[in-house]
Amino acid sequence: MGKNQHVVPHKDGWATKGAGNLKATKVFSTQKEAMNFGRDIAINQKSELIIHGKDGKIREKNSYGNDPRDIKG
């Protein structure tokens, strides 16, 4: 499993960052662009996409790898 990807507010718009990275992987003018980019990385790395709001708080998580929840039907 790769690094979780975070979509976070940035002084120039929105950024996608790997978990623990100091620098943004890429910066975008809209949150939607950052989410799409982060989703592609998370799918490729079988990790999670964690989307933060303007206030920096987590507002959504999407898992594209091993889901930590044990769902049995």
N, C-alpha and C. Protein backbone atom coordinates (compact mmCIF):
# COMPACT_ATOMS: atom_id res chain seq x y z
N MET A 1 0.85 -1.18 0.00
CA MET A 1 0.00 0.00 0.00
C MET A 1 0.90 1.24 0.00
N GLY A 2 0.57 2.20 -0.85
CA GLY A 2 1.34 3.43 -0.97
C GLY A 2 0.92 4.47 0.04
N LYS A 3 1.44 5.67 -0.14
CA LYS A 3 1.11 6.79 0.75
C LYS A 3 -0.31 7.28 0.50
N ASN A 4 -0.99 7.58 1.59
CA ASN A 4 -2.30 8.22 1.46
C ASN A 4 -2.10 9.60 0.85
N GLN A 5 -3.07 10.04 0.07
CA GLN A 5 -3.00 11.34 -0.60
C GLN A 5 -3.97 12.30 0.08
N HIS A 6 -3.51 13.51 0.34
CA HIS A 6 -4.34 14.52 0.98
C HIS A 6 -4.58 15.68 0.01
N VAL A 7 -5.83 16.12 -0.05
CA VAL A 7 -6.18 17.34 -0.79
C VAL A 7 -6.34 18.42 0.26
N VAL A 8 -5.49 19.44 0.19
CA VAL A 8 -5.44 20.46 1.24
C VAL A 8 -5.47 21.87 0.66
N PRO A 9 -5.96 22.85 1.45
CA PRO A 9 -5.90 24.24 0.99
C PRO A 9 -4.45 24.67 0.81
N HIS A 10 -4.21 25.54 -0.16
CA HIS A 10 -2.86 26.03 -0.49
C HIS A 10 -2.98 27.51 -0.81
N LYS A 11 -1.91 28.27 -0.60
CA LYS A 11 -1.97 29.71 -0.86
C LYS A 11 -2.34 30.04 -2.30
N ASP A 12 -2.07 29.11 -3.22
CA ASP A 12 -2.39 29.32 -4.63
C ASP A 12 -3.62 28.54 -5.08
N GLY A 13 -4.39 28.01 -4.14
CA GLY A 13 -5.61 27.25 -4.47
C GLY A 13 -5.72 26.00 -3.63
N TRP A 14 -5.52 24.84 -4.28
CA TRP A 14 -5.61 23.55 -3.60
C TRP A 14 -4.43 22.69 -4.01
N ALA A 15 -3.95 21.86 -3.09
CA ALA A 15 -2.79 21.02 -3.35
C ALA A 15 -3.09 19.56 -3.05
N THR A 16 -2.41 18.69 -3.76
CA THR A 16 -2.40 17.26 -3.46
C THR A 16 -1.03 16.96 -2.87
N LYS A 17 -1.03 16.32 -1.69
CA LYS A 17 0.22 15.99 -0.99
C LYS A 17 0.19 14.55 -0.54
N GLY A 18 1.32 13.87 -0.64
CA GLY A 18 1.45 12.54 -0.06
C GLY A 18 1.57 12.68 1.45
N ALA A 19 1.04 11.71 2.18
CA ALA A 19 1.09 11.74 3.65
C ALA A 19 2.53 11.89 4.12
N GLY A 20 2.78 12.84 5.00
CA GLY A 20 4.10 13.06 5.57
C GLY A 20 5.01 13.95 4.73
N ASN A 21 4.60 14.26 3.51
CA ASN A 21 5.42 15.12 2.65
C ASN A 21 5.29 16.58 3.07
N LEU A 22 6.39 17.31 3.03
CA LEU A 22 6.36 18.73 3.35
C LEU A 22 5.87 19.56 2.17
N LYS A 23 6.25 19.13 0.96
CA LYS A 23 5.88 19.87 -0.24
C LYS A 23 4.69 19.22 -0.94
N ALA A 24 3.92 20.03 -1.62
CA ALA A 24 2.80 19.54 -2.40
C ALA A 24 3.32 18.77 -3.61
N THR A 25 2.61 17.71 -3.98
CA THR A 25 2.93 16.99 -5.21
C THR A 25 2.59 17.87 -6.40
N LYS A 26 1.42 18.52 -6.32
CA LYS A 26 0.97 19.41 -7.38
C LYS A 26 -0.07 20.37 -6.81
N VAL A 27 -0.10 21.60 -7.36
CA VAL A 27 -1.04 22.63 -6.90
C VAL A 27 -2.02 22.94 -8.03
N PHE A 28 -3.27 23.14 -7.67
CA PHE A 28 -4.35 23.40 -8.63
C PHE A 28 -5.14 24.62 -8.22
N SER A 29 -5.86 25.19 -9.17
CA SER A 29 -6.69 26.35 -8.85
C SER A 29 -8.01 25.95 -8.20
N THR A 30 -8.47 24.69 -8.43
CA THR A 30 -9.73 24.26 -7.82
C THR A 30 -9.53 22.98 -7.01
N GLN A 31 -10.42 22.80 -6.04
CA GLN A 31 -10.37 21.59 -5.22
C GLN A 31 -10.70 20.37 -6.08
N LYS A 32 -11.62 20.52 -7.02
CA LYS A 32 -12.01 19.39 -7.86
C LYS A 32 -10.83 18.85 -8.66
N GLU A 33 -10.01 19.74 -9.22
CA GLU A 33 -8.82 19.31 -9.97
C GLU A 33 -7.86 18.56 -9.06
N ALA A 34 -7.65 19.07 -7.85
CA ALA A 34 -6.76 18.42 -6.88
C ALA A 34 -7.31 17.05 -6.48
N MET A 35 -8.63 16.95 -6.33
CA MET A 35 -9.26 15.68 -5.96
C MET A 35 -9.08 14.65 -7.08
N ASN A 36 -9.30 15.05 -8.32
CA ASN A 36 -9.15 14.13 -9.44
C ASN A 36 -7.72 13.61 -9.55
N PHE A 37 -6.75 14.50 -9.38
CA PHE A 37 -5.34 14.12 -9.44
C PHE A 37 -5.00 13.17 -8.28
N GLY A 38 -5.43 13.53 -7.07
CA GLY A 38 -5.17 12.71 -5.89
C GLY A 38 -5.83 11.34 -5.99
N ARG A 39 -7.05 11.29 -6.56
CA ARG A 39 -7.76 10.02 -6.74
C ARG A 39 -6.95 9.08 -7.65
N ASP A 40 -6.41 9.61 -8.73
CA ASP A 40 -5.62 8.79 -9.65
C ASP A 40 -4.40 8.20 -8.94
N ILE A 41 -3.74 9.01 -8.13
CA ILE A 41 -2.57 8.52 -7.39
C ILE A 41 -3.00 7.46 -6.36
N ALA A 42 -4.07 7.74 -5.62
CA ALA A 42 -4.55 6.80 -4.60
C ALA A 42 -4.95 5.46 -5.21
N ILE A 43 -5.60 5.49 -6.37
CA ILE A 43 -5.98 4.26 -7.05
C ILE A 43 -4.71 3.50 -7.45
N ASN A 44 -3.76 4.20 -8.04
CA ASN A 44 -2.52 3.59 -8.49
C ASN A 44 -1.73 2.98 -7.34
N GLN A 45 -1.74 3.65 -6.19
CA GLN A 45 -0.96 3.20 -5.03
C GLN A 45 -1.77 2.36 -4.05
N LYS A 46 -3.05 2.12 -4.37
CA LYS A 46 -3.95 1.36 -3.49
C LYS A 46 -3.93 1.95 -2.07
N SER A 47 -4.21 3.25 -2.01
CA SER A 47 -4.19 3.96 -0.72
C SER A 47 -5.49 4.75 -0.56
N GLU A 48 -5.50 5.69 0.38
CA GLU A 48 -6.69 6.50 0.63
C GLU A 48 -6.52 7.91 0.11
N LEU A 49 -7.64 8.51 -0.29
CA LEU A 49 -7.69 9.92 -0.64
C LEU A 49 -8.41 10.62 0.50
N ILE A 50 -7.75 11.58 1.11
CA ILE A 50 -8.31 12.30 2.26
C ILE A 50 -8.49 13.75 1.84
N ILE A 51 -9.74 14.20 1.86
CA ILE A 51 -10.08 15.53 1.37
C ILE A 51 -10.35 16.45 2.56
N HIS A 52 -9.62 17.56 2.60
CA HIS A 52 -9.77 18.53 3.67
C HIS A 52 -10.59 19.71 3.16
N GLY A 53 -11.32 20.36 4.07
CA GLY A 53 -12.07 21.56 3.72
C GLY A 53 -11.17 22.79 3.81
N LYS A 54 -11.74 23.96 3.53
CA LYS A 54 -10.98 25.21 3.60
C LYS A 54 -10.38 25.45 4.98
N ASP A 55 -11.06 24.91 6.02
CA ASP A 55 -10.59 25.09 7.40
C ASP A 55 -9.49 24.08 7.77
N GLY A 56 -9.15 23.19 6.83
CA GLY A 56 -8.10 22.20 7.08
C GLY A 56 -8.60 20.91 7.70
N LYS A 57 -9.86 20.88 8.15
CA LYS A 57 -10.42 19.68 8.78
C LYS A 57 -10.81 18.66 7.71
N ILE A 58 -10.65 17.39 8.05
CA ILE A 58 -11.02 16.32 7.12
C ILE A 58 -12.53 16.34 6.92
N ARG A 59 -12.95 16.34 5.65
CA ARG A 59 -14.38 16.33 5.36
C ARG A 59 -14.82 15.09 4.62
N GLU A 60 -13.86 14.32 4.07
CA GLU A 60 -14.22 13.12 3.32
C GLU A 60 -12.99 12.23 3.17
N LYS A 61 -13.23 10.90 3.17
CA LYS A 61 -12.16 9.93 2.93
C LYS A 61 -12.67 8.90 1.93
N ASN A 62 -11.82 8.51 1.01
CA ASN A 62 -12.15 7.46 0.05
C ASN A 62 -11.00 6.47 0.01
N SER A 63 -11.32 5.19 0.17
CA SER A 63 -10.29 4.15 0.18
C SER A 63 -10.25 3.47 -1.18
N TYR A 64 -9.04 3.35 -1.73
CA TYR A 64 -8.84 2.68 -3.01
C TYR A 64 -7.90 1.49 -2.86
N GLY A 65 -7.70 1.05 -1.63
CA GLY A 65 -6.82 -0.09 -1.37
C GLY A 65 -7.53 -1.06 -0.46
N ASN A 66 -6.80 -1.58 0.49
CA ASN A 66 -7.41 -2.46 1.48
C ASN A 66 -8.23 -1.63 2.44
N ASP A 67 -9.53 -1.82 2.40
CA ASP A 67 -10.41 -1.06 3.26
C ASP A 67 -10.26 -1.55 4.69
N PRO A 68 -9.95 -0.65 5.64
CA PRO A 68 -9.74 -1.09 7.03
C PRO A 68 -11.02 -1.59 7.70
N ARG A 69 -12.17 -1.25 7.13
CA ARG A 69 -13.44 -1.71 7.71
C ARG A 69 -13.71 -3.14 7.24
N ASP A 70 -14.15 -3.98 8.12
CA ASP A 70 -14.44 -5.37 7.79
C ASP A 70 -15.94 -5.48 7.53
N ILE A 71 -16.31 -5.46 6.25
CA ILE A 71 -17.72 -5.51 5.88
C ILE A 71 -18.04 -6.90 5.35
N LYS A 72 -18.99 -7.54 6.02
CA LYS A 72 -19.40 -8.87 5.58
C LYS A 72 -20.91 -8.86 5.38
N GLY A 73 -21.35 -9.39 4.26
CA GLY A 73 -22.77 -9.34 3.95
C GLY A 73 -23.46 -10.58 4.06
